[in-house]
N, C-alpha and C. Protein backbone atom coordinates (compact mmCIF):
# COMPACT_ATOMS: atom_id res chain seq x y z
N MET A 1 9.13 -11.73 0.01
CA MET A 1 8.29 -10.51 0.16
C MET A 1 7.18 -10.87 1.19
N ASN A 2 6.63 -11.94 1.14
CA ASN A 2 5.44 -12.35 2.03
C ASN A 2 5.84 -12.52 3.53
N GLU A 3 7.16 -12.45 3.87
CA GLU A 3 7.68 -12.55 5.13
C GLU A 3 7.55 -11.07 5.81
N LYS A 4 7.57 -10.10 5.04
CA LYS A 4 7.43 -8.80 5.67
C LYS A 4 6.25 -8.05 5.07
N PHE A 5 5.59 -8.37 4.24
CA PHE A 5 4.36 -7.64 3.71
C PHE A 5 3.22 -8.66 3.52
N VAL A 6 2.11 -8.02 3.48
CA VAL A 6 0.81 -8.67 3.05
C VAL A 6 0.37 -7.99 1.68
N SER A 7 0.42 -8.73 0.81
CA SER A 7 0.36 -8.20 -0.79
C SER A 7 -1.19 -8.37 -1.02
N VAL A 8 -1.91 -7.26 -1.46
CA VAL A 8 -3.26 -7.28 -1.80
C VAL A 8 -3.46 -6.54 -3.24
N LYS A 9 -4.05 -7.22 -4.13
CA LYS A 9 -4.32 -6.55 -5.40
C LYS A 9 -5.75 -6.26 -5.33
N LEU A 10 -6.08 -4.96 -5.60
CA LEU A 10 -7.59 -4.55 -5.70
C LEU A 10 -7.90 -4.03 -7.03
N ASN A 11 -9.26 -4.32 -7.43
CA ASN A 11 -9.75 -3.69 -8.63
C ASN A 11 -10.44 -2.44 -8.04
N ALA A 12 -9.92 -1.27 -8.33
CA ALA A 12 -10.41 0.07 -7.67
C ALA A 12 -11.89 0.29 -8.06
N GLU A 13 -12.55 -0.35 -9.25
CA GLU A 13 -13.87 -0.16 -9.54
C GLU A 13 -14.83 -1.12 -8.99
N ASP A 14 -14.38 -2.00 -8.26
CA ASP A 14 -15.20 -3.14 -7.69
C ASP A 14 -15.93 -2.72 -6.43
N ARG A 15 -17.26 -2.57 -6.63
CA ARG A 15 -18.02 -2.22 -5.20
C ARG A 15 -18.59 -3.30 -4.53
N THR A 16 -18.30 -4.48 -5.05
CA THR A 16 -18.85 -5.64 -4.26
C THR A 16 -17.97 -6.33 -3.48
N SER A 17 -16.67 -6.68 -3.93
CA SER A 17 -15.58 -7.25 -3.11
C SER A 17 -15.34 -6.39 -1.80
N ARG A 18 -14.99 -6.87 -0.69
CA ARG A 18 -14.55 -6.09 0.28
C ARG A 18 -13.32 -6.51 1.01
N ILE A 19 -12.64 -5.54 1.73
CA ILE A 19 -11.46 -5.77 2.47
C ILE A 19 -11.47 -4.97 3.86
N LYS A 20 -10.93 -5.55 4.80
CA LYS A 20 -10.85 -5.00 6.17
C LYS A 20 -9.50 -4.30 6.28
N ILE A 21 -9.46 -3.18 6.55
CA ILE A 21 -8.14 -2.32 6.70
C ILE A 21 -8.21 -1.63 8.11
N GLY A 22 -7.44 -2.10 9.02
CA GLY A 22 -7.53 -1.65 10.27
C GLY A 22 -8.88 -2.06 10.89
N GLU A 23 -9.75 -1.02 11.33
CA GLU A 23 -10.97 -1.40 11.85
C GLU A 23 -12.05 -1.03 10.93
N HIS A 24 -11.69 -0.75 9.62
CA HIS A 24 -12.70 -0.40 8.45
C HIS A 24 -12.90 -1.51 7.63
N ASP A 25 -14.21 -1.72 7.40
CA ASP A 25 -14.60 -2.71 6.19
C ASP A 25 -15.16 -2.03 4.95
N LEU A 26 -14.30 -2.14 4.09
CA LEU A 26 -14.54 -1.22 2.86
C LEU A 26 -14.86 -2.11 1.59
N ASN A 27 -15.47 -1.63 0.59
CA ASN A 27 -15.48 -2.35 -0.66
C ASN A 27 -14.18 -1.70 -1.32
N TYR A 28 -13.81 -2.42 -2.36
CA TYR A 28 -12.54 -2.14 -2.95
C TYR A 28 -12.51 -0.70 -3.53
N ALA A 29 -13.59 -0.33 -4.18
CA ALA A 29 -13.79 1.21 -4.59
C ALA A 29 -13.54 2.23 -3.55
N GLU A 30 -14.28 1.87 -2.39
CA GLU A 30 -14.10 2.76 -1.16
C GLU A 30 -12.63 2.74 -0.54
N ALA A 31 -12.04 1.66 -0.54
CA ALA A 31 -10.54 1.49 -0.21
C ALA A 31 -9.70 2.30 -0.95
N SER A 32 -9.88 2.16 -2.24
CA SER A 32 -9.11 2.98 -3.27
C SER A 32 -9.28 4.48 -3.05
N GLY A 33 -10.42 4.88 -2.95
CA GLY A 33 -10.86 6.27 -2.73
C GLY A 33 -10.24 6.81 -1.31
N ALA A 34 -10.33 6.06 -0.25
CA ALA A 34 -9.86 6.39 0.93
C ALA A 34 -8.39 6.72 1.07
N TYR A 35 -7.59 6.11 0.19
CA TYR A 35 -6.20 6.37 0.10
C TYR A 35 -5.80 7.19 -1.14
N GLY A 36 -6.86 7.87 -1.79
CA GLY A 36 -6.47 8.96 -2.87
C GLY A 36 -5.99 8.24 -4.10
N VAL A 37 -6.14 7.02 -4.28
CA VAL A 37 -5.85 6.35 -5.59
C VAL A 37 -6.54 7.02 -6.78
N GLU A 38 -5.66 7.60 -7.74
CA GLU A 38 -6.20 8.23 -8.87
C GLU A 38 -5.79 7.65 -10.27
N GLY A 39 -4.81 6.73 -10.11
CA GLY A 39 -4.20 6.24 -11.39
C GLY A 39 -3.74 4.82 -11.02
N PHE A 40 -3.54 4.05 -12.24
CA PHE A 40 -3.12 2.74 -12.00
C PHE A 40 -1.88 2.44 -12.83
N PRO A 41 -1.01 1.57 -12.35
CA PRO A 41 -1.02 1.01 -11.03
C PRO A 41 -0.58 2.00 -9.95
N THR A 42 -1.05 1.67 -8.76
CA THR A 42 -0.63 2.54 -7.59
C THR A 42 -0.32 1.36 -6.49
N THR A 43 0.89 1.72 -5.81
CA THR A 43 1.25 0.88 -4.71
C THR A 43 1.12 1.61 -3.34
N LEU A 44 0.56 1.13 -2.35
CA LEU A 44 0.43 1.79 -1.08
C LEU A 44 1.25 0.88 -0.25
N VAL A 45 1.83 1.50 0.84
CA VAL A 45 2.35 0.82 1.99
C VAL A 45 1.74 1.45 3.10
N LEU A 46 1.14 0.39 3.87
CA LEU A 46 0.28 0.75 5.13
C LEU A 46 0.82 0.16 6.30
N ASP A 47 0.70 0.65 7.57
CA ASP A 47 0.99 -0.13 8.75
C ASP A 47 -0.06 -0.93 9.17
N ALA A 48 0.14 -1.73 10.20
CA ALA A 48 -0.82 -2.67 10.66
C ALA A 48 -2.03 -2.17 10.86
N SER A 49 -2.28 -0.76 11.23
CA SER A 49 -3.46 -0.25 11.60
C SER A 49 -4.25 0.30 10.24
N GLY A 50 -3.43 0.30 9.26
CA GLY A 50 -4.11 0.97 8.13
C GLY A 50 -3.66 2.20 7.70
N GLN A 51 -2.84 2.80 8.56
CA GLN A 51 -2.32 4.18 8.31
C GLN A 51 -1.35 3.94 7.08
N LEU A 52 -1.52 5.13 6.20
CA LEU A 52 -0.71 5.36 4.91
C LEU A 52 0.59 5.63 5.31
N ILE A 53 1.61 4.91 4.90
CA ILE A 53 3.08 5.24 5.06
C ILE A 53 3.54 5.84 3.92
N PHE A 54 3.33 5.33 2.73
CA PHE A 54 3.90 5.71 1.47
C PHE A 54 3.00 5.17 0.23
N LYS A 55 2.96 6.06 -0.79
CA LYS A 55 2.28 5.76 -1.79
C LYS A 55 3.06 6.24 -3.16
N PHE A 56 2.95 5.47 -4.23
CA PHE A 56 3.49 5.87 -5.43
C PHE A 56 2.66 5.44 -6.61
N ALA A 57 2.37 6.19 -7.59
CA ALA A 57 1.55 5.81 -8.64
C ALA A 57 2.41 5.57 -9.80
N GLY A 58 2.02 4.62 -10.76
CA GLY A 58 2.75 4.46 -12.08
C GLY A 58 3.57 3.22 -11.88
N TYR A 59 4.03 2.94 -13.12
CA TYR A 59 4.98 1.76 -13.30
C TYR A 59 6.28 2.13 -12.76
N ARG A 60 7.03 1.33 -12.20
CA ARG A 60 8.41 1.37 -11.79
C ARG A 60 9.10 0.19 -12.29
N PRO A 61 10.42 0.31 -12.80
CA PRO A 61 11.14 -0.74 -13.13
C PRO A 61 11.48 -1.56 -11.95
N LYS A 62 11.62 -2.88 -12.22
CA LYS A 62 11.79 -4.04 -11.18
C LYS A 62 12.78 -3.42 -10.09
N GLU A 63 14.03 -2.95 -10.60
CA GLU A 63 15.05 -2.58 -9.55
C GLU A 63 14.57 -1.37 -8.64
N GLN A 64 13.88 -0.42 -9.22
CA GLN A 64 13.35 0.65 -8.38
C GLN A 64 12.33 0.19 -7.34
N TYR A 65 11.52 -0.67 -7.90
CA TYR A 65 10.38 -1.26 -7.03
C TYR A 65 11.03 -2.00 -5.94
N MET A 66 11.96 -2.81 -6.29
CA MET A 66 12.73 -3.60 -5.12
C MET A 66 13.30 -2.76 -4.07
N GLU A 67 13.82 -1.57 -4.46
CA GLU A 67 14.46 -0.75 -3.57
C GLU A 67 13.45 -0.11 -2.58
N VAL A 68 12.27 0.19 -3.09
CA VAL A 68 11.30 0.75 -2.23
C VAL A 68 10.81 -0.39 -1.26
N LEU A 69 10.61 -1.54 -1.76
CA LEU A 69 10.09 -2.56 -0.90
C LEU A 69 11.15 -2.95 0.16
N THR A 70 12.51 -3.01 -0.29
CA THR A 70 13.61 -3.32 0.66
C THR A 70 13.56 -2.15 1.84
N TYR A 71 13.39 -0.93 1.35
CA TYR A 71 13.45 0.25 2.26
C TYR A 71 12.26 0.03 3.48
N PHE A 72 11.09 -0.33 2.95
CA PHE A 72 10.06 -0.55 4.07
C PHE A 72 10.16 -1.89 4.72
N GLY A 73 10.56 -2.77 3.92
CA GLY A 73 10.65 -4.16 4.58
C GLY A 73 11.66 -4.30 5.62
N GLU A 74 12.77 -3.39 5.59
CA GLU A 74 13.70 -3.47 6.57
C GLU A 74 13.43 -2.17 7.58
N ARG A 75 12.37 -1.56 7.44
CA ARG A 75 11.77 -0.65 8.25
C ARG A 75 12.84 0.61 8.47
N LYS A 76 13.59 0.97 7.43
CA LYS A 76 14.43 2.07 7.34
C LYS A 76 13.75 3.23 7.58
N PHE A 77 12.50 3.35 7.31
CA PHE A 77 11.78 4.59 7.40
C PHE A 77 11.57 5.07 8.92
N GLU A 78 11.70 4.07 9.74
CA GLU A 78 11.58 4.28 11.18
C GLU A 78 12.81 5.08 11.59
N GLU A 79 13.99 4.60 11.17
CA GLU A 79 15.31 5.20 11.51
C GLU A 79 15.31 6.61 11.13
N GLU A 80 14.70 7.04 9.86
CA GLU A 80 14.74 8.37 9.43
C GLU A 80 13.72 9.25 10.22
N GLU A 81 12.62 8.65 10.72
CA GLU A 81 11.77 9.31 11.60
C GLU A 81 12.20 9.87 12.95
N LYS A 82 13.13 9.05 13.43
CA LYS A 82 13.95 9.32 14.66
C LYS A 82 14.81 10.51 14.52
N LYS A 83 15.32 10.79 13.25
CA LYS A 83 16.35 11.86 13.08
C LYS A 83 15.72 13.22 13.28
């Protein structure tokens, strides 16, 4: 997974710890709010600039979660954008 993704775990209520996303330096609470996180767990897929590509909230079984990661890790979404 680390070959294709940078994994980050945030505490959405933490206003002290900071993260740089694209050109933005945000505390964890600001970052969660910027991407519309309303429940936990939430998984976000961002591009290198911090643009949101995909978001899903809630628990997913391992198999379903791996399908999503494979889809984005293999950049299949780019193929569909071209259609």
